[in-house]
Protein backbone atom coordinates (compact mmCIF):
# COMPACT_ATOMS: atom_id res chain seq x y z
CA MET A 1 -21.28 -14.52 17.76
CA ALA A 2 -19.37 -16.29 15.67
CA VAL A 3 -20.93 -14.44 12.58
CA THR A 4 -20.32 -11.35 14.15
CA ILE A 5 -17.00 -11.86 14.85
CA HIS A 6 -16.41 -12.43 10.90
CA LYS A 7 -17.98 -9.34 10.17
CA VAL A 8 -16.00 -7.22 12.78
CA ALA A 9 -12.73 -9.32 11.27
CA THR A 10 -13.76 -8.96 7.56
CA GLU A 11 -14.10 -5.17 7.94
CA LEU A 12 -10.76 -4.79 10.20
CA GLY A 13 -8.48 -6.36 7.03
CA PHE A 14 -7.15 -9.77 8.93
CA PHE A 15 -8.31 -12.15 6.26
CA THR A 16 -7.11 -10.04 3.66
CA VAL A 17 -3.66 -9.49 5.09
CA LEU A 18 -3.97 -13.49 6.71
CA HIS A 19 -4.89 -14.77 2.83
CA ALA A 20 -2.29 -12.20 1.26
CA PRO A 21 0.75 -13.80 -0.79
CA ARG A 22 3.80 -14.88 1.38
CA ASP A 23 5.89 -11.93 0.20
CA VAL A 24 3.36 -9.60 2.02
CA HIS A 25 4.01 -11.89 5.21
CA VAL A 26 8.00 -11.16 4.66
CA ILE A 27 7.58 -7.18 4.14
CA PHE A 28 5.56 -7.02 7.03
CA LEU A 29 8.44 -8.61 9.50
CA THR A 30 11.25 -6.57 7.93
CA ARG A 31 8.91 -3.56 8.36
CA PHE A 32 8.50 -5.22 12.40
CA LEU A 33 12.11 -5.50 12.75
CA ARG A 34 13.12 -1.90 11.04
CA MET A 35 10.73 0.20 13.25
CA LEU A 36 11.84 -2.16 16.65
CA ALA A 37 14.97 -0.42 15.65
CA TYR A 38 14.13 2.71 14.85
CA GLY A 39 12.06 3.04 17.82
CA GLY A 40 14.87 2.25 19.90
CA ILE A 41 17.19 4.59 18.26
CA SER A 42 14.93 7.50 18.87
CA LEU A 43 14.24 6.94 22.18
CA ILE A 44 17.77 7.61 23.28
CA LEU A 45 19.65 9.28 20.12
CA ALA A 46 19.61 12.43 21.67
CA MET A 47 19.99 11.48 25.07
CA PHE A 48 23.21 9.48 23.34
CA PHE A 49 24.58 12.61 21.69
CA SER A 50 24.28 14.47 24.63
CA ALA A 51 26.18 11.89 26.97
CA LEU A 52 28.89 12.94 24.43
CA GLY A 53 29.04 16.15 25.34
CA PHE A 54 27.26 17.60 22.06
CA THR A 55 25.05 20.93 22.60
CA ASP A 56 21.41 21.15 22.02
CA VAL A 57 22.67 22.96 18.21
CA LYS A 58 24.96 20.68 17.35
CA ILE A 59 22.61 17.79 18.14
CA GLY A 60 19.96 19.95 15.74
CA LEU A 61 22.12 20.65 13.42
CA PHE A 62 23.29 16.64 12.97
CA MET A 63 19.71 15.83 12.75
CA THR A 64 19.10 18.22 9.94
CA LEU A 65 22.69 16.83 7.86
CA THR A 66 21.39 13.63 8.33
CA LEU A 67 17.86 13.96 7.20
CA LEU A 68 19.68 15.91 4.14
CA GLY A 69 21.91 12.89 3.41
CA ASP A 70 18.90 10.50 2.85
CA VAL A 71 17.58 13.17 0.60
CA LEU A 72 20.36 12.07 -1.66
CA VAL A 73 20.94 8.29 -0.67
CA SER A 74 16.68 7.95 -1.25
CA LEU A 75 16.38 9.43 -4.17
CA PHE A 76 19.32 7.84 -6.29
CA LEU A 77 17.98 4.34 -4.66
CA THR A 78 14.36 4.83 -5.26
CA LEU A 79 14.93 5.95 -8.83
CA VAL A 80 16.86 3.24 -9.75
CA ALA A 81 15.18 0.53 -7.29
CA ASP A 82 12.78 -1.22 -10.20
CA SER A 83 16.04 -1.51 -13.38
CA MET A 84 18.63 -2.39 -10.17
CA GLY A 85 15.96 -4.66 -8.70
CA ARG A 86 13.51 -3.85 -5.50
CA ARG A 87 15.22 -7.13 -3.32
CA ARG A 88 18.48 -5.35 -4.39
CA THR A 89 18.06 -2.27 -3.14
CA LEU A 90 16.00 -3.72 0.14
CA LEU A 91 19.52 -5.25 0.62
CA LEU A 92 21.78 -2.48 0.16
CA GLY A 93 19.65 -0.24 2.82
CA SER A 94 20.07 -3.41 5.28
CA ILE A 95 23.43 -3.29 4.56
CA SER A 96 23.60 0.03 4.94
CA MET A 97 21.90 -0.23 8.36
CA LEU A 98 24.45 -2.56 10.17
CA LEU A 99 27.50 -0.90 8.95
CA SER A 100 25.57 2.44 10.81
CA GLY A 101 24.73 0.51 13.90
CA VAL A 102 28.35 -0.90 14.25
CA VAL A 103 30.25 3.31 13.91
CA PHE A 104 27.86 4.67 16.14
CA ALA A 105 28.19 1.54 18.43
CA ARG A 106 32.09 2.34 18.71
CA GLY A 107 32.41 5.76 17.60
CA SER A 108 32.55 8.97 19.67
CA ASN A 109 33.71 11.81 17.11
CA TYR A 110 31.33 13.89 15.79
CA TRP A 111 32.10 14.26 11.95
CA LEU A 112 32.70 10.09 11.60
CA LEU A 113 28.80 9.55 13.24
CA LEU A 114 27.83 12.05 10.74
CA ILE A 115 29.13 10.87 7.77
CA ALA A 116 28.18 7.52 9.22
CA ALA A 117 24.47 8.48 9.55
CA ILE A 118 24.42 10.25 5.81
CA ILE A 119 25.87 7.35 3.61
CA GLY A 120 23.39 4.47 5.85
CA VAL A 121 20.60 4.30 7.40
CA ILE A 122 20.17 5.64 11.11
CA SER A 123 16.62 6.83 12.26
CA VAL A 124 16.84 10.45 13.84
CA SER A 125 13.16 10.67 14.16
CA GLY A 126 12.21 7.49 14.66
CA ASN A 127 10.27 7.45 11.80
CA GLU A 128 10.82 5.61 8.23
CA ILE A 129 14.11 6.55 6.12
CA GLY A 130 16.29 5.83 3.42
CA PRO A 131 14.67 3.34 0.89
CA PHE A 132 12.69 0.94 2.34
CA ARG A 133 9.10 2.51 2.70
CA ALA A 134 9.03 3.64 -1.48
CA VAL A 135 10.06 0.54 -2.20
CA GLU A 136 8.02 -1.92 0.43
CA GLU A 137 4.83 0.49 -0.72
CA SER A 138 5.45 0.24 -4.62
CA THR A 139 5.89 -3.50 -4.07
CA LEU A 140 2.83 -4.27 -1.82
CA ALA A 141 0.83 -2.51 -4.04
CA GLY A 142 1.60 -4.90 -6.90
CA LEU A 143 0.66 -7.32 -4.82
CA ALA A 144 -2.51 -6.53 -3.56
CA GLY A 145 -5.71 -6.30 -5.05
CA GLU A 146 -7.43 -2.77 -5.56
CA GLU A 147 -9.67 -3.85 -2.89
CA GLY A 148 -7.66 -5.79 -0.85
CA ARG A 149 -4.52 -2.56 -0.59
CA PRO A 150 -6.60 -0.35 2.02
CA ASP A 151 -6.16 -3.12 4.32
CA ILE A 152 -3.26 -4.16 3.67
CA PHE A 153 -1.66 -0.41 3.49
CA ALA A 154 -3.14 -0.46 6.84
CA TRP A 155 -1.94 -3.26 8.70
CA TYR A 156 1.49 -2.48 7.42
CA VAL A 157 1.24 1.01 9.28
CA VAL A 158 0.06 -1.36 12.33
CA VAL A 159 2.72 -3.82 12.15
CA GLY A 160 5.57 -0.36 12.09
CA THR A 161 3.79 1.51 15.21
CA LEU A 162 3.59 -2.15 16.85
CA GLY A 163 7.24 -2.42 16.26
CA SER A 164 8.29 0.94 17.28
CA ALA A 165 6.06 0.46 20.66
CA VAL A 166 8.41 -2.73 21.37
CA GLY A 167 11.92 -0.67 20.34
CA SER A 168 10.95 1.95 22.67
CA MET A 169 9.81 -0.22 25.96
CA GLY A 170 12.85 -2.40 25.57
CA THR A 171 15.35 0.26 24.73
CA GLY A 172 14.62 1.58 27.93
CA TRP A 173 14.50 -1.46 29.90
CA VAL A 174 18.08 -2.43 28.37
CA VAL A 175 19.96 0.99 29.00
CA GLU A 176 18.56 0.85 32.70
CA GLY A 177 19.80 -3.15 33.08
CA PHE A 178 23.00 -2.34 31.77
CA LYS A 179 23.10 1.22 33.86
CA GLN A 180 22.96 -0.97 36.73
CA GLN A 181 25.74 -3.35 36.20
CA PRO A 182 29.27 -2.72 37.69
CA GLY A 183 31.59 -0.32 35.69
CA TRP A 184 28.69 0.52 33.41
CA GLU A 185 28.00 3.82 32.38
CA GLU A 186 25.18 5.88 30.75
CA LEU A 187 27.23 6.01 27.45
CA ASP A 188 28.14 2.50 27.20
CA ALA A 189 24.36 0.92 27.71
CA TYR A 190 23.53 3.22 24.99
CA ARG A 191 26.49 1.75 22.80
CA VAL A 192 24.73 -1.82 23.68
CA VAL A 193 21.69 -0.82 21.60
CA PHE A 194 23.61 0.74 18.06
CA TRP A 195 24.72 -3.09 18.68
CA LEU A 196 21.49 -4.34 18.81
CA TYR A 197 20.28 -1.78 15.76
CA ALA A 198 23.47 -3.30 13.72
CA LEU A 199 22.39 -6.70 14.50
CA VAL A 200 18.10 -6.17 13.24
CA GLY A 201 20.08 -4.84 9.74
CA LEU A 202 21.74 -7.76 9.52
CA VAL A 203 18.56 -10.29 9.87
CA LYS A 204 16.97 -7.80 7.23
CA GLY A 205 19.85 -8.45 4.99
CA GLY A 206 18.71 -11.95 5.73
CA LEU A 207 14.88 -12.02 5.22
CA THR A 208 15.44 -10.26 2.20
CA PHE A 209 16.48 -13.63 0.21
CA LEU A 210 13.04 -14.35 1.06
CA LEU A 211 11.29 -12.23 -1.17
CA SER A 212 10.32 -13.84 -4.76
CA SER A 213 10.54 -12.41 -8.29
CA ARG A 214 6.86 -11.11 -7.40
CA CYS A 215 8.01 -8.19 -6.15
CA GLU A 216 9.95 -6.99 -8.66
CA VAL A 217 7.89 -4.18 -11.09
CA HIS A 218 8.27 -7.13 -14.32
CA GLY A 219 7.07 -9.93 -11.35
CA GLN A 220 4.03 -8.41 -10.74
CA ARG A 221 2.96 -7.58 -14.62
CA THR A 222 3.72 -11.62 -16.10
CA VAL A 223 2.42 -14.41 -14.37
CA GLU A 224 4.03 -17.65 -15.31
CA GLY A 225 5.41 -16.06 -18.47
CA LYS A 226 2.39 -14.51 -19.28
CA PRO A 227 1.51 -11.22 -19.76
CA SER A 228 -0.75 -10.10 -17.44
CA ALA A 229 -3.83 -7.43 -17.70
CA PRO A 230 -4.09 -4.41 -15.41
CA GLU A 231 -6.73 -4.61 -12.96
CA PRO A 232 -9.94 -3.24 -14.62
CA ALA A 233 -11.02 -1.24 -11.36
CA GLU A 234 -7.31 -0.07 -11.07
CA GLN A 235 -7.93 1.74 -14.76
CA ASN A 236 -11.36 2.56 -14.04
CA GLU A 237 -10.41 4.72 -10.74
CA ARG A 238 -7.59 6.27 -12.30
CA SER A 239 -8.92 7.12 -15.26
CA ALA A 240 -11.86 8.66 -12.76
CA LEU A 241 -9.64 10.74 -10.75
CA LEU A 242 -7.95 12.02 -13.41
CA ALA A 243 -11.15 13.16 -15.30
CA ALA A 244 -12.33 14.95 -12.35
CA ASP A 245 -9.10 16.66 -11.64
CA ARG A 246 -9.09 18.05 -15.10
CA ALA A 247 -12.69 19.05 -14.22
CA THR A 248 -11.69 20.84 -11.34
CA GLU A 249 -9.04 22.64 -12.65
CA ASP A 250 -10.60 23.72 -16.12
CA GLY A 251 -13.92 24.97 -14.17
CA ASP A 252 -15.66 23.18 -17.07
CA ARG A 253 -18.80 22.13 -15.68
CA ASP A 254 -20.09 21.19 -19.14
CA SER A 255 -17.31 19.26 -20.10
CA GLU A 256 -17.50 15.22 -20.10
CA PRO A 257 -14.61 13.47 -17.70
CA LEU A 258 -12.62 11.08 -19.02
CA PRO A 259 -13.86 7.91 -19.60
CA PRO A 260 -12.81 4.90 -17.84
CA THR A 261 -10.91 2.11 -19.51
CA SER A 262 -11.68 -1.53 -19.23
CA ALA A 263 -9.10 -3.99 -18.81
CA ALA A 264 -6.83 -5.12 -22.25
CA PRO A 265 -4.00 -7.92 -22.75
CA THR A 266 -0.43 -6.05 -22.95
CA SER A 267 2.72 -6.89 -24.06
CA PRO A 268 5.15 -7.90 -22.15
CA PRO A 269 6.99 -4.58 -20.32
CA LYS A 270 10.26 -3.21 -20.98
CA LYS A 271 12.25 -2.36 -17.71
CA PRO A 272 10.98 1.25 -16.72
CA LYS A 273 13.14 3.91 -16.46
CA ILE A 274 11.72 6.24 -14.65
CA GLY A 275 13.12 9.59 -13.40
CA LEU A 276 12.97 13.35 -12.10
CA LYS A 277 12.50 14.46 -15.62
CA GLN A 278 9.99 12.05 -16.82
CA LEU A 279 7.65 12.29 -13.60
CA PHE A 280 8.13 16.21 -13.25
CA ALA A 281 7.65 16.90 -17.39
CA ARG A 282 4.28 15.73 -17.12
CA THR A 283 3.16 18.64 -14.35
CA ARG A 284 4.46 21.27 -16.66
CA ASP A 285 0.42 20.77 -17.96
CA ARG A 286 -1.52 23.17 -15.68
CA LYS A 287 -4.36 20.39 -15.89
CA ASP A 288 -2.32 17.94 -13.96
CA LEU A 289 -0.71 19.44 -11.03
CA THR A 290 -1.51 16.59 -8.62
CA LEU A 291 2.25 15.91 -7.89
CA LEU A 292 3.28 19.36 -7.09
CA ARG A 293 0.15 20.34 -4.64
CA LEU A 294 0.82 16.83 -2.91
CA CYS A 295 4.69 17.89 -2.23
CA LEU A 296 3.80 21.66 -1.33
CA LEU A 297 1.16 20.24 1.43
CA PHE A 298 3.27 17.21 2.23
CA ALA A 299 6.62 19.66 2.58
CA VAL A 300 4.55 21.93 5.48
CA ASP A 301 3.41 18.94 6.92
CA SER A 302 7.13 17.13 6.88
CA LEU A 303 8.36 20.57 8.04
CA ALA A 304 6.45 20.13 11.12
CA SER A 305 7.16 16.65 12.18
CA GLY A 306 11.22 17.90 11.72
CA MET A 307 10.85 20.22 13.86
CA VAL A 308 9.22 17.35 16.67
CA PRO A 309 11.23 13.95 16.01
CA TYR A 310 10.24 11.57 18.89
CA SER A 311 14.20 11.84 19.40
CA LEU A 312 13.53 15.32 20.44
CA ILE A 313 10.23 14.41 22.46
CA ASN A 314 11.74 11.68 24.72
CA TYR A 315 14.69 14.45 25.23
CA TYR A 316 12.36 17.07 26.10
CA VAL A 317 10.08 15.27 28.69
CA ASP A 318 13.35 13.61 29.90
CA GLY A 319 14.99 16.92 30.53
CA LYS A 320 11.66 18.56 31.85
CA PHE A 321 10.42 15.66 34.41
CA HIS A 322 13.92 13.76 34.75
CA MET A 323 12.57 10.15 34.52
CA PRO A 324 13.91 7.25 34.47
CA LYS A 325 14.64 5.98 30.93
CA SER A 326 12.83 3.25 31.23
CA THR A 327 9.83 5.34 32.48
CA VAL A 328 10.30 7.00 29.29
CA GLY A 329 10.55 4.24 26.86
CA ASN A 330 7.08 2.91 28.98
CA ILE A 331 5.66 6.43 28.34
CA MET A 332 6.53 6.08 24.23
CA SER A 333 6.36 2.29 23.98
CA ALA A 334 1.90 3.28 25.07
CA THR A 335 2.17 5.87 22.05
CA TRP A 336 2.92 3.52 19.78
CA VAL A 337 0.60 1.12 20.64
CA MET A 338 -2.20 3.15 20.98
CA SER A 339 -0.83 4.45 17.27
CA SER A 340 -1.49 0.36 16.55
CA VAL A 341 -4.96 0.40 17.53
CA GLY A 342 -6.05 3.41 16.00
CA ASN A 343 -4.29 2.20 12.79
CA ILE A 344 -6.22 -1.05 13.05
CA PHE A 345 -9.11 1.24 12.49
CA ALA A 346 -8.14 3.34 9.62
CA SER A 347 -9.10 0.98 7.05
CA ALA A 348 -12.44 0.58 8.39
CA ILE A 349 -13.31 4.01 8.77
CA SER A 350 -11.72 5.03 4.89
CA LYS A 351 -14.31 2.93 3.59
CA ARG A 352 -16.94 4.60 5.32
CA ILE A 353 -16.10 8.37 4.93
CA GLY A 354 -13.65 8.22 2.30
CA LEU A 355 -9.47 8.76 2.17
CA VAL A 356 -9.04 12.01 2.12
CA LYS A 357 -11.59 12.91 5.06
CA THR A 358 -9.82 9.88 7.15
CA MET A 359 -7.12 11.74 7.05
CA VAL A 360 -8.01 14.75 7.72
CA PHE A 361 -10.58 14.32 10.79
CA THR A 362 -7.65 11.73 12.35
CA HIS A 363 -4.97 13.72 11.79
CA LEU A 364 -5.99 17.44 12.71
CA PRO A 365 -6.56 16.27 16.30
CA SER A 366 -3.30 15.80 16.80
CA ALA A 367 -2.35 18.68 15.52
CA ILE A 368 -4.22 20.45 18.55
CA PHE A 369 -2.95 17.55 21.19
CA LEU A 370 0.93 18.51 19.88
CA MET A 371 0.54 22.26 20.50
CA LEU A 372 -0.94 21.65 23.86
CA LEU A 373 1.97 19.57 24.56
CA PRO A 374 4.28 21.87 26.71
CA THR A 375 1.45 23.31 28.70
CA PRO A 376 0.84 20.80 31.26
CA ARG A 377 3.28 20.89 34.33
CA SER A 378 2.19 17.39 35.92
CA VAL A 379 3.56 13.72 34.01
CA TRP A 380 -0.13 12.23 34.08
CA LEU A 381 -1.67 15.19 31.70
CA THR A 382 1.69 15.14 29.62
CA VAL A 383 1.14 11.85 28.91
CA ILE A 384 -2.44 12.26 28.29
CA PHE A 385 -1.86 14.54 25.11
CA LEU A 386 1.69 12.05 24.25
CA ILE A 387 -0.97 9.25 23.69
CA GLY A 388 -3.88 11.22 22.41
CA ARG A 389 -1.62 12.77 19.32
CA GLY A 390 0.37 8.92 19.13
CA THR A 391 -3.36 7.40 18.61
CA LEU A 392 -4.51 9.64 15.83
CA ALA A 393 -1.22 10.94 14.32
CA SER A 394 -0.38 7.86 11.65
CA MET A 395 -4.09 7.14 10.81
CA ASP A 396 -4.11 8.91 7.67
CA GLN A 397 -0.57 6.94 6.28
CA ALA A 398 -2.53 4.05 4.93
CA PRO A 399 -5.33 5.87 3.19
CA ARG A 400 -2.82 8.24 1.81
CA SER A 401 -0.63 5.27 0.02
CA ALA A 402 -4.27 3.53 -1.05
CA PHE A 403 -5.08 7.14 -2.51
CA LEU A 404 -1.91 7.30 -4.44
CA SER A 405 -1.95 3.70 -5.46
CA LYS A 406 -5.43 4.34 -7.30
CA VAL A 407 -3.58 7.57 -9.30
CA VAL A 408 -0.03 6.03 -10.29
CA GLN A 409 1.00 3.66 -12.47
CA ALA A 410 2.49 0.63 -11.54
CA GLU A 411 5.55 1.02 -13.13
CA GLU A 412 6.09 4.88 -11.28
CA ARG A 413 5.03 3.75 -8.06
CA THR A 414 8.59 3.29 -6.80
CA ALA A 415 10.21 6.17 -8.08
CA VAL A 416 6.69 8.37 -7.63
CA MET A 417 6.57 7.44 -4.08
CA GLY A 418 10.44 7.45 -3.67
CA ILE A 419 10.03 11.51 -4.90
CA VAL A 420 7.66 12.32 -2.80
CA ASN A 421 9.47 10.66 0.65
CA VAL A 422 12.39 12.99 -0.87
CA VAL A 423 10.35 16.02 -1.12
CA LYS A 424 9.18 15.12 2.76
CA THR A 425 12.57 14.32 4.24
CA LEU A 426 14.25 17.39 2.57
CA SER A 427 11.84 19.45 4.21
CA GLN A 428 11.84 17.62 7.56
CA SER A 429 15.73 18.22 7.89
CA GLY A 430 15.46 21.80 8.23
CA GLY A 431 13.20 21.22 11.08
CA PRO A 432 15.53 20.11 13.73
CA THR A 433 18.39 22.78 13.59
CA PHE A 434 15.43 25.14 14.16
CA THR A 435 13.69 23.31 17.57
CA GLY A 436 17.93 23.05 18.58
CA ILE A 437 18.32 27.13 17.97
CA LEU A 438 14.75 27.28 20.23
CA ALA A 439 15.93 24.89 22.71
CA GLY A 440 19.41 26.43 22.98
CA GLU A 441 17.59 29.53 24.27
CA ASP A 442 15.14 27.60 26.86
CA ARG A 443 12.45 27.93 24.01
CA PHE A 444 11.60 24.62 23.29
CA TRP A 445 7.88 24.97 24.06
CA VAL A 446 7.60 27.14 20.68
CA ALA A 447 8.34 24.37 18.42
CA PHE A 448 5.24 22.11 19.76
CA VAL A 449 3.47 24.98 19.02
CA VAL A 450 4.38 25.88 15.44
CA ALA A 451 4.64 22.38 14.61
CA GLY A 452 1.07 22.23 15.50
CA ALA A 453 0.38 25.01 13.78
CA LEU A 454 1.93 23.92 10.59
CA LYS A 455 0.09 20.43 10.87
CA SER A 456 -3.38 22.24 11.36
CA SER A 457 -2.72 23.97 7.81
CA TYR A 458 -1.50 20.52 6.21
CA ASP A 459 -5.05 19.30 7.35
CA LEU A 460 -7.04 22.03 6.28
CA GLY A 461 -4.85 22.26 2.79
CA MET A 462 -5.77 18.90 2.08
CA LEU A 463 -9.36 19.03 2.71
CA ALA A 464 -9.48 22.21 0.24
CA MET A 465 -7.61 20.91 -2.64
CA PHE A 466 -8.94 16.90 -2.47
CA LEU A 467 -11.63 15.91 -1.40
CA ARG A 468 -13.57 17.28 -4.57
CA LEU A 469 -11.09 15.45 -6.43
CA GLU A 470 -11.76 11.92 -4.35
CA LYS A 471 -15.35 12.71 -4.82
CA GLY A 472 -15.60 13.74 -8.64
CA GLY A 473 -13.62 10.12 -9.65
CA GLU A 474 -16.26 8.34 -7.55
CA GLN A 475 -18.66 10.30 -9.34
CA SER A 476 -17.20 9.50 -12.52
CA LEU A 477 -17.21 5.62 -12.02
CA ALA A 478 -20.82 5.79 -11.15
CA ARG A 479 -21.64 7.67 -14.41
CA HIS A 480 -19.31 5.90 -16.86
CA PRO A 481 -19.59 2.35 -17.73
CA VAL A 482 -16.94 0.27 -18.90
CA ARG A 483 -15.88 1.30 -22.50
CA PRO A 484 -15.24 -1.07 -25.71
CA GLN A 485 -12.12 -2.72 -25.72
CA GLU A 486 -11.07 -0.31 -28.62
CA GLU A 487 -11.15 2.54 -26.62
CA VAL A 488 -8.52 1.55 -24.15
CA THR A 489 -5.42 2.65 -25.99
CA GLN A 490 -6.19 6.23 -26.53
CA ALA A 491 -7.48 6.31 -22.78
CA GLY A 492 -4.62 4.67 -21.06
CA ASP A 493 -2.44 7.60 -23.40
CA ASP A 494 -4.14 9.95 -21.01
CA VAL A 495 -3.88 7.59 -18.13
CA ASP A 496 -0.13 8.11 -18.29
CA GLN A 497 -0.70 11.80 -17.38
CA ILE A 498 -1.20 11.25 -13.76
CA THR A 499 1.46 11.76 -11.08
CA ALA A 500 0.85 11.43 -7.01
CA ALA A 501 2.20 11.00 -4.33
CA PRO A 502 2.11 9.87 -0.20
CA ARG A 503 2.30 11.07 4.15
CA PRO A 504 4.82 9.67 7.40
CA GLY A 505 3.84 10.23 10.80
């Protein structure tokens, strides 16, 4: 029995997380608190705007403009995060979160709230916003070894969904509790939630000071002042994936893939300066379109996510069934809990069937549940669809992050992840306005159908474009042994041509 439990715990990555560096645990805690706050805000944000007298069209426009503002802020912060310092970037984001919460807790003017949401950090969708995720995933990729990354990323997602579950349930009960107090109105109860949001920003800022210098890009390359070599598995994987990608693009079945490289001592790296020009210049070669293809697919998926963020789903369910806020919070909390359960198994599944198949075979059914969401007339069937979608919708996040870490150089990860998140947010920004217009015309249900169809096309596109690439990379690794040390430099130059990117929920 004990052997079985140990085997299950190992398979699910418990021991990987348990023995991870302290910085990983601190990042997990800040992620939990942040998603707790985001989950709480997503429950009441659209209802808060409605209580202020904003129309459905203005609510959708607000969310669109907020996401567009986040594009600029996140792009800037993620591009300079490694040079400015990852810990400083996280601290700056926490301060912005604090200030935004204070403005929302006290303000009522549409344009003042919009400015606070754009400049600061307010999650209008319940999902990640701001520079946090790109910086944290880049940091985790450096702290975790190649074999441990799928487990670390899986539990990173699990921690976030658990935080969202607690936030949704807690916010519902907080709002209902304060509404029952003499002299308290619903709007006053909503403002309490924003004060709690600001408090989370303050605590997150304090936790940032617990992170060590190993979180910085130079700290991950140097141990006790001595330069460290790249991980052999990581270097070999990148080379093999590059070779497979080029073979696929050229259609040349006879050409030999680029041989993997072995680890070699490197000189201490200079502070990286990775920008848009440097990253996208590599895509001018038609043989290396990984970043552009991923950005295109993520844009489609994110547009769909923007049409039906959790804040608007809550608004739709509340308007359709007129339930107490605590009940809505409990339902959404259940979806996040089941999402956590699903994500626990994401790493184990990806080890069995591969990263791309895990991404597609879990995400596609969730898209079907999304399309069916407006059809039930009963609460219980709607809840089944919500929980079914919630269980599967984010199981692709950890495999996607692991896939990204294989094909992106360590010094490029923060910038690449940030750029992809910006592309996703930019695409997502048009969704709320479209849904707001539909809701104003009493056609809210159309948004769910269109969003589900777009997400299905994203899944099929991932399967068509990247399944052969993943298989080709694995076969190249199996066929070609590690080459002698003198070939490292030349192969390393070729590896620099790789760019790639991740998903969101």
